[in-house]
Protein backbone atom coordinates (compact mmCIF):
# COMPACT_ATOMS: atom_id res chain seq x y z
CA MET A 1 99.15 97.18 86.91
CA SER A 2 100.33 94.46 84.44
CA VAL A 3 103.83 95.40 82.98
CA ALA A 4 105.08 93.90 79.73
CA LEU A 5 108.53 93.24 81.00
CA ASN A 6 110.96 92.51 78.17
CA GLY A 7 108.34 93.05 75.72
CA TYR A 8 105.51 95.49 74.60
CA SER A 9 102.03 95.73 73.42
CA GLY A 10 99.56 98.21 72.26
CA ALA A 11 99.39 99.75 75.68
CA THR A 12 103.07 100.18 76.03
CA ARG A 13 104.15 103.93 76.34
CA ILE A 14 106.99 105.34 74.28
CA VAL A 15 109.88 107.55 75.33
CA TYR A 16 111.87 108.78 72.33
CA ILE A 17 115.47 109.69 72.39
CA ALA A 18 116.25 112.19 69.57
CA GLY A 19 119.67 113.07 68.11
CA ASP A 20 121.78 113.37 64.93
CA PRO A 21 123.52 110.96 64.82
CA ILE A 22 121.73 108.52 66.99
CA ALA A 23 123.51 105.07 66.69
CA GLN A 24 125.95 105.88 69.41
CA VAL A 25 123.52 106.33 72.22
CA LYS A 26 123.12 103.89 75.03
CA SER A 27 119.95 105.23 76.42
CA PRO A 28 117.37 102.99 74.80
CA ALA A 29 118.15 99.73 76.57
CA GLY A 30 119.23 101.25 79.83
CA VAL A 31 116.28 103.62 80.18
CA THR A 32 113.85 100.96 79.14
CA ALA A 33 115.10 98.55 81.81
CA LEU A 34 114.95 101.20 84.53
CA LEU A 35 111.38 102.19 83.53
CA GLN A 36 110.34 98.58 83.67
CA GLU A 37 112.08 98.17 87.07
CA ARG A 38 109.94 100.96 88.32
CA GLY A 39 106.77 99.26 87.12
CA GLN A 40 106.20 101.21 83.91
CA ASP A 41 104.93 99.46 80.71
CA ALA A 42 107.21 101.70 78.50
CA VAL A 43 110.20 101.51 76.10
CA CYS A 44 112.76 103.96 75.04
CA VAL A 45 113.07 104.28 71.21
CA PRO A 46 115.85 106.05 69.22
CA ALA A 47 114.83 108.60 66.72
CA HIS A 48 117.30 110.06 64.20
CA VAL A 49 116.08 113.64 63.83
CA LYS A 50 117.86 116.28 61.77
CA PRO A 51 118.08 119.77 63.33
CA ALA A 52 115.80 121.31 60.67
CA ASP A 53 113.05 118.67 61.49
CA LEU A 54 113.37 119.00 65.38
CA ALA A 55 110.31 121.23 66.05
CA GLU A 56 108.19 119.33 63.72
CA PHE A 57 109.05 116.11 65.30
CA LEU A 58 108.52 117.41 68.88
CA SER A 59 105.19 118.90 67.80
CA LEU A 60 104.07 115.53 66.28
CA ALA A 61 105.32 113.52 69.29
CA TRP A 62 103.26 115.87 71.57
CA ARG A 63 100.19 115.05 69.53
CA MET A 64 100.73 111.22 70.07
CA PRO A 65 99.07 110.60 73.43
CA ASN A 66 101.12 107.35 73.96
CA VAL A 67 104.46 109.31 73.91
CA SER A 68 105.34 110.03 77.73
CA GLY A 69 108.47 112.00 77.01
CA VAL A 70 111.53 112.73 74.78
CA LEU A 71 115.22 112.35 75.79
CA ILE A 72 117.50 114.78 73.90
CA THR A 73 120.98 114.31 72.84
CA VAL A 74 123.48 116.09 70.39
CA PRO A 75 122.81 118.56 68.70
CA HIS A 76 119.18 119.21 70.01
CA LYS A 77 119.55 120.43 73.48
CA PHE A 78 119.22 124.09 72.74
CA GLY A 79 116.47 123.63 70.19
CA ALA A 80 114.50 121.26 72.59
CA LEU A 81 114.35 123.97 75.28
CA ALA A 82 112.99 126.46 72.72
CA ALA A 83 110.36 124.08 71.66
CA SER A 84 109.23 123.50 75.23
CA ALA A 85 106.26 125.14 76.91
CA THR A 86 107.81 125.23 80.44
CA ALA A 87 111.12 124.38 82.00
CA THR A 88 112.78 123.79 85.30
CA PRO A 89 114.88 126.77 86.54
CA ARG A 90 117.95 124.78 85.99
CA ALA A 91 117.16 124.24 82.24
CA ARG A 92 116.28 127.88 81.82
CA SER A 93 119.55 129.06 83.49
CA ILE A 94 121.55 126.70 81.30
CA GLY A 95 119.60 127.39 78.24
CA ALA A 96 119.27 123.83 77.09
CA ALA A 97 117.32 120.57 77.81
CA ASN A 98 118.19 116.94 77.88
CA VAL A 99 114.77 115.55 78.77
CA LEU A 100 111.13 116.57 78.03
CA ARG A 101 107.99 115.22 79.66
CA ARG A 102 104.33 116.06 79.14
CA GLY A 103 103.09 119.08 81.05
CA ALA A 104 99.78 120.79 81.23
CA GLN A 105 100.38 123.01 78.17
CA GLY A 106 103.16 121.24 76.15
CA TRP A 107 106.61 119.75 76.84
CA HIS A 108 108.17 120.45 80.31
CA ALA A 109 112.06 120.47 80.13
CA ASP A 110 114.85 119.68 82.38
CA MET A 111 118.71 119.54 81.96
CA CYS A 112 120.65 117.10 84.11
CA ASP A 113 123.76 116.41 82.09
CA GLY A 114 125.99 118.60 84.25
CA GLU A 115 124.86 116.90 87.47
CA ALA A 116 125.51 113.52 86.05
CA PHE A 117 128.92 114.41 84.57
CA VAL A 118 130.08 115.86 87.92
CA ALA A 119 128.78 112.80 89.95
CA ALA A 120 130.84 110.58 87.41
CA MET A 121 133.91 112.65 88.01
CA ARG A 122 133.47 112.38 91.72
CA ALA A 123 132.74 108.59 91.52
CA GLY A 124 136.16 108.39 89.60
CA GLY A 125 138.05 110.17 92.40
CA ALA A 126 137.95 113.84 91.24
CA GLN A 127 137.88 116.71 93.79
CA LEU A 128 136.23 119.90 92.45
CA ALA A 129 136.54 122.35 95.26
CA GLY A 130 139.41 124.84 94.61
CA GLN A 131 140.42 123.07 91.38
CA ARG A 132 141.35 124.82 88.02
CA ALA A 133 139.11 123.41 85.25
CA LEU A 134 139.36 123.49 81.53
CA LEU A 135 136.20 122.69 79.64
CA VAL A 136 136.21 121.96 75.86
CA GLY A 137 132.84 122.51 74.27
CA ALA A 138 130.08 125.06 75.01
CA GLY A 139 127.03 123.37 73.53
CA GLY A 140 124.17 122.07 75.39
CA ALA A 141 126.11 119.41 77.41
CA GLY A 142 129.07 121.74 77.86
CA SER A 143 126.66 124.50 79.18
CA ALA A 144 125.26 122.18 81.69
CA ILE A 145 128.56 120.84 82.78
CA ALA A 146 130.08 124.48 83.11
CA HIS A 147 127.14 125.38 85.47
CA ALA A 148 127.73 122.09 87.47
CA LEU A 149 131.50 122.71 87.73
CA VAL A 150 130.82 126.24 89.13
CA ALA A 151 128.19 124.93 91.47
CA GLY A 152 130.80 122.26 92.51
CA GLY A 153 133.28 124.92 93.71
CA VAL A 154 136.05 125.03 91.06
CA ALA A 155 138.32 127.90 91.56
CA GLU A 156 138.51 128.88 87.99
CA LEU A 157 136.76 127.65 84.72
CA ALA A 158 138.46 128.11 81.35
CA LEU A 159 136.17 127.58 78.21
CA HIS A 160 137.40 126.35 74.83
CA ASP A 161 135.15 126.02 71.85
CA ALA A 162 135.66 126.17 68.06
CA ASP A 163 132.70 128.57 67.93
CA ASP A 164 133.95 131.88 69.62
CA SER A 165 130.40 133.33 69.81
CA ARG A 166 129.02 130.21 71.58
CA ARG A 167 131.97 130.14 74.02
CA GLU A 168 131.54 133.86 74.89
CA ALA A 169 127.77 133.56 75.27
CA LEU A 170 128.29 130.93 77.89
CA ALA A 171 131.11 132.78 79.56
CA ALA A 172 129.02 135.93 79.78
CA LYS A 173 126.29 133.94 81.51
CA LEU A 174 128.62 132.39 83.97
CA ARG A 175 130.30 135.70 84.75
CA ARG A 176 127.03 137.18 85.76
CA TYR A 177 126.87 134.71 88.62
CA GLY A 178 130.20 136.05 89.83
CA GLN A 179 131.10 132.90 91.59
CA VAL A 180 134.45 131.96 89.92
CA PRO A 181 136.66 133.47 87.38
CA VAL A 182 135.66 132.41 83.82
CA THR A 183 138.41 132.67 81.26
CA THR A 184 139.14 131.77 77.62
CA GLY A 185 140.91 128.36 77.40
CA SER A 186 142.59 126.57 74.57
CA SER A 187 143.56 123.12 73.50
CA ASP A 188 146.53 123.39 75.88
CA PRO A 189 145.60 121.72 79.28
CA ALA A 190 148.84 122.61 81.06
CA GLY A 191 148.25 123.82 84.61
CA PHE A 192 144.67 122.61 84.88
CA ASP A 193 143.44 120.20 87.48
CA LEU A 194 140.30 119.01 85.73
CA VAL A 195 140.29 118.72 81.86
CA CYS A 196 136.72 117.94 80.52
CA ASN A 197 135.67 117.14 76.91
CA ALA A 198 132.03 118.07 76.33
CA THR A 199 132.30 117.57 72.46
CA PRO A 200 131.66 114.79 70.10
CA LEU A 201 135.42 114.59 69.35
CA GLY A 202 136.35 110.92 69.67
CA MET A 203 133.27 109.38 68.22
CA ARG A 204 134.88 108.96 64.95
CA ALA A 205 138.26 107.30 64.18
CA GLN A 206 139.48 110.31 62.33
CA ASP A 207 138.70 112.90 65.07
CA PRO A 208 141.45 114.89 66.55
CA LEU A 209 141.85 114.84 70.29
CA PRO A 210 140.07 117.67 72.10
CA VAL A 211 143.37 118.75 73.89
CA GLN A 212 147.04 118.26 73.64
CA VAL A 213 147.30 115.19 75.82
CA ASP A 214 151.08 115.47 76.24
CA ARG A 215 150.44 118.83 78.15
CA LEU A 216 148.24 117.17 80.73
CA GLY A 217 149.60 117.65 84.35
CA GLU A 218 150.62 114.50 86.22
CA GLN A 219 147.90 114.95 88.70
CA ALA A 220 145.04 116.05 86.26
CA PHE A 221 141.77 114.39 86.14
CA ALA A 222 140.38 113.72 82.53
CA ALA A 223 136.65 113.48 81.76
CA ASP A 224 134.82 112.82 78.59
CA VAL A 225 131.12 112.92 77.46
CA VAL A 226 131.64 110.56 74.47
CA THR A 227 129.90 107.11 75.06
CA LEU A 228 130.98 105.25 71.99
CA PRO A 229 133.68 104.00 71.85
CA ALA A 230 133.34 103.15 75.57
CA VAL A 231 136.85 104.32 76.15
CA PRO A 232 137.17 107.42 73.98
CA PRO A 233 140.71 108.23 72.44
CA PHE A 234 141.05 111.15 74.82
CA ILE A 235 140.41 108.93 77.89
CA ALA A 236 142.68 106.06 76.44
CA ALA A 237 145.48 108.61 76.15
CA ALA A 238 144.99 110.10 79.57
CA ARG A 239 145.05 106.51 81.05
CA ALA A 240 148.16 105.76 79.20
CA ARG A 241 149.72 108.70 81.19
CA GLY A 242 148.45 107.05 84.38
CA LEU A 243 145.76 109.64 85.04
CA ARG A 244 142.38 109.17 86.67
CA THR A 245 139.38 109.52 84.40
CA SER A 246 135.68 109.29 83.87
CA THR A 247 133.91 108.42 80.62
CA GLY A 248 130.69 109.18 78.89
CA SER A 249 129.52 105.72 80.01
CA ASP A 250 130.22 106.69 83.60
CA MET A 251 128.12 109.81 83.00
CA PHE A 252 125.27 107.84 81.55
CA ALA A 253 125.25 105.39 84.55
CA GLN A 254 124.64 108.65 86.59
CA VAL A 255 122.20 110.33 84.34
CA ARG A 256 119.84 107.38 83.69
CA ALA A 257 118.28 107.48 87.02
CA LEU A 258 117.90 111.35 86.82
CA LEU A 259 116.09 111.09 83.51
CA VAL A 260 113.79 108.50 84.63
CA ASP A 261 113.10 110.31 88.06
CA PHE A 262 112.01 113.33 85.88
CA LEU A 263 109.93 111.40 83.54
CA LEU A 264 107.97 109.87 86.25
CA GLU A 265 107.49 112.93 88.43
CA PRO A 266 103.77 113.85 88.86
CA GLN A 267 102.47 116.57 86.80
CA SER A 268 102.05 119.74 88.72
């Protein structure tokens, strides 16, 4: 197969990444590079899609035969699953998706944010088993991370979200598994071993910090999903206190291969 490395042609296949906003994402270049490393004539293209337009966008993309898949970022991870024809058990359990590929009847969805986030934490030196974790954010990424933290063996998971109903919906789902106590958290991280930000807080200069950084324990591990800036304010503040950390960029380094693996799996 002839591959248009570092270029494209009329035969090049498209993988969109849809979000609102979209300027902060790092996926296009990294995913394009990995697709081409794996012998694919394909490019990843950003698409700024408003929530009200998501279903129409995904329907139109499905009707474009040269679109192989769609990567999903904030705030579309719940809506993307709802617009999919089929999904992996993991995505169904979480209730959200971060990647879609063509299936026999429509988009087939998966969700690997949580797996990547936890892998980045472990690469940064975090231990999950037996630890008390505070997770800020119960959206699509937060839901995936919550499942991955529970699967990773944390002893307790506290959830904090500005939307009480969203937080309680996720807590109720996790409690049905009965694996670990799931409690209501707050912006106070005192007493927690793992403190995770799964919100966009930190993308804008005027954003408040997701937690009270001066209340972080001396041995706490701080993790963040924000990719731009490369060192989010929460992580910068945690590092200033001498804490170990992982960033959204670290997470992306882990998730990129998972996304491409899914996109290239043979259709069943």
